């Protein structure tokens, strides 16, 4: 009887370690695209509280809550900062000037459960900003932004 309990316990532990990483492995590009559409909608509708839910909790705590002392507009603007095409000019957009945020490219790094994405932030004045951002992939429903690089 003890041998059966030990085997069952071992099996539960092994299955736990196998299934947890596998949930992130199921994340597809369409899941990331869906998340970015929701993120864009939250920015355009000025629902910045919702926008913050798309960020990795640890990243948000360190950057937004800590370094920027809860300055949400600054946090989001700096996250969406990017370079203008053919110019080496970094631009930090005003959130109210953003017309759209589109996902141009996704590269998934499955071994590390991360991805990088190239965003095109279109401004109302016609300028386009290209921004690189990173994501952590925990599951189809837990895809989080962290570390934007304009």
Protein backbone atom coordinates (compact mmCIF):
# COMPACT_ATOMS: atom_id res chain seq x y z
CA UNK A 1 0.00 0.00 0.00
CA UNK A 2 2.84 2.41 0.86
CA UNK A 3 4.45 1.69 -2.50
CA UNK A 4 1.24 2.62 -4.32
CA UNK A 5 0.95 5.91 -2.36
CA UNK A 6 4.58 6.75 -3.12
CA UNK A 7 4.07 6.05 -6.83
CA UNK A 8 0.88 8.11 -6.89
CA UNK A 9 2.60 11.01 -5.08
CA UNK A 10 5.51 10.84 -7.48
CA UNK A 11 3.12 10.82 -10.45
CA UNK A 12 1.27 13.90 -9.13
CA UNK A 13 4.55 15.77 -8.69
CA UNK A 14 5.79 14.83 -12.16
CA UNK A 15 2.49 15.80 -13.79
CA UNK A 16 2.55 19.15 -11.99
CA UNK A 17 5.99 19.96 -13.33
CA UNK A 18 5.05 18.83 -16.83
CA UNK A 19 1.69 20.61 -17.12
CA UNK A 20 2.68 24.00 -15.68
CA UNK A 21 5.30 24.75 -18.35
CA UNK A 22 3.09 23.17 -21.01
CA UNK A 23 0.33 25.74 -20.43
CA UNK A 24 2.66 28.50 -21.64
CA UNK A 25 3.70 26.31 -24.57
CA UNK A 26 0.10 26.42 -25.82
CA UNK A 27 0.16 30.20 -26.31
CA UNK A 28 -0.13 31.00 -30.00
CA UNK A 29 0.43 34.18 -31.98
CA UNK A 30 -3.35 34.62 -32.27
CA UNK A 31 -3.58 34.72 -28.45
CA UNK A 32 -0.96 37.47 -28.35
CA UNK A 33 -2.73 39.37 -31.14
CA UNK A 34 -6.02 39.16 -29.21
CA UNK A 35 -4.33 40.53 -26.09
CA UNK A 36 -2.86 43.46 -28.06
CA UNK A 37 -6.28 44.35 -29.50
CA UNK A 38 -7.65 44.52 -25.96
CA UNK A 39 -4.65 46.57 -24.82
CA UNK A 40 -5.11 49.01 -27.72
CA UNK A 41 -8.83 49.36 -26.88
CA UNK A 42 -8.01 50.15 -23.26
CA UNK A 43 -5.54 52.88 -24.31
CA UNK A 44 -7.84 54.43 -26.93
CA UNK A 45 -10.83 54.43 -24.56
CA UNK A 46 -8.63 56.03 -21.87
CA UNK A 47 -9.29 53.14 -19.48
CA UNK A 48 -5.76 53.29 -18.13
CA UNK A 49 -6.62 51.27 -15.02
CA UNK A 50 -7.51 48.38 -17.35
CA UNK A 51 -4.35 49.06 -19.41
CA UNK A 52 -2.26 48.35 -16.32
CA UNK A 53 -3.76 44.84 -16.03
CA UNK A 54 -1.88 43.83 -19.20
CA UNK A 55 1.50 44.26 -17.49
CA UNK A 56 3.45 41.63 -15.61
CA UNK A 57 2.63 42.23 -11.92
CA UNK A 58 6.30 42.29 -10.86
CA UNK A 59 7.25 44.65 -13.69
CA UNK A 60 4.31 46.95 -12.87
CA UNK A 61 5.19 46.95 -9.17
CA UNK A 62 8.82 47.86 -9.87
CA UNK A 63 8.34 50.39 -12.67
CA UNK A 64 4.87 51.93 -12.21
CA UNK A 65 4.36 51.65 -8.48
CA UNK A 66 8.01 52.04 -7.48
CA UNK A 67 10.15 54.12 -9.82
CA UNK A 68 7.31 56.25 -11.22
CA UNK A 69 5.38 56.40 -7.94
CA UNK A 70 2.07 55.43 -9.60
CA UNK A 71 2.22 57.94 -12.46
CA UNK A 72 0.10 55.90 -14.86
CA UNK A 73 0.13 58.27 -17.84
CA UNK A 74 3.92 58.56 -17.73
CA UNK A 75 4.31 54.79 -17.36
CA UNK A 76 2.08 54.03 -20.35
CA UNK A 77 3.52 56.84 -22.52
CA UNK A 78 7.09 55.75 -21.88
CA UNK A 79 6.16 52.12 -22.50
CA UNK A 80 4.76 53.07 -25.93
CA UNK A 81 7.70 55.31 -26.85
CA UNK A 82 9.29 54.51 -30.17
CA UNK A 83 11.42 55.65 -33.06
CA UNK A 84 10.12 57.48 -36.09
CA UNK A 85 10.80 55.69 -39.36
CA UNK A 86 14.10 56.67 -41.00
CA UNK A 87 14.93 58.99 -38.11
CA UNK A 88 16.90 58.26 -35.03
CA UNK A 89 14.46 60.24 -32.92
CA UNK A 90 12.89 58.63 -29.86
CA UNK A 91 9.40 59.99 -29.25
CA UNK A 92 7.35 59.55 -26.11
CA UNK A 93 3.74 60.00 -27.21
CA UNK A 94 1.01 61.73 -25.26
CA UNK A 95 -1.65 59.09 -24.70
CA UNK A 96 -4.33 61.41 -26.10
CA UNK A 97 -2.34 61.72 -29.37
CA UNK A 98 -2.42 57.96 -30.08
CA UNK A 99 -4.62 56.96 -33.01
CA UNK A 100 -3.82 53.24 -33.05
CA UNK A 101 -1.45 50.58 -31.76
CA UNK A 102 -0.84 47.71 -34.15
CA UNK A 103 1.18 44.58 -33.75
CA UNK A 104 3.64 44.30 -36.64
CA UNK A 105 5.71 41.26 -35.67
CA UNK A 106 5.80 38.58 -32.98
CA UNK A 107 8.70 36.30 -32.16
CA UNK A 108 7.96 33.61 -29.56
CA UNK A 109 10.81 32.22 -27.42
CA UNK A 110 9.16 29.00 -26.20
CA UNK A 111 12.02 27.69 -24.03
CA UNK A 112 11.84 30.85 -21.91
CA UNK A 113 8.04 31.34 -22.14
CA UNK A 114 8.60 34.83 -23.52
CA UNK A 115 7.96 36.71 -26.73
CA UNK A 116 9.03 39.95 -28.30
CA UNK A 117 6.73 42.11 -30.33
CA UNK A 118 7.23 45.05 -32.65
CA UNK A 119 4.48 47.64 -32.29
CA UNK A 120 3.51 50.45 -34.63
CA UNK A 121 2.04 53.35 -32.67
CA UNK A 122 0.23 55.74 -35.02
CA UNK A 123 -0.27 59.27 -33.81
CA UNK A 124 -3.10 61.62 -34.80
CA UNK A 125 -0.59 63.92 -36.54
CA UNK A 126 0.33 61.10 -38.95
CA UNK A 127 3.65 60.09 -37.37
CA UNK A 128 4.35 56.41 -36.84
CA UNK A 129 6.49 55.15 -34.00
CA UNK A 130 8.13 51.73 -33.98
CA UNK A 131 8.51 50.18 -30.55
CA UNK A 132 9.87 46.85 -29.31
CA UNK A 133 8.25 45.25 -26.31
CA UNK A 134 8.54 41.96 -24.46
CA UNK A 135 5.94 39.57 -23.11
CA UNK A 136 5.89 36.78 -20.59
CA UNK A 137 3.69 33.84 -21.55
CA UNK A 138 2.13 32.01 -18.63
CA UNK A 139 -0.98 30.64 -20.36
CA UNK A 140 -3.44 31.65 -23.10
CA UNK A 141 -5.19 33.89 -20.59
CA UNK A 142 -2.04 35.10 -18.84
CA UNK A 143 0.05 37.01 -21.35
CA UNK A 144 1.78 39.99 -19.80
CA UNK A 145 3.75 42.94 -21.11
CA UNK A 146 7.08 43.93 -19.62
CA UNK A 147 10.09 45.97 -20.61
CA UNK A 148 9.17 48.16 -23.54
CA UNK A 149 12.10 49.41 -25.60
CA UNK A 150 11.35 52.36 -27.84
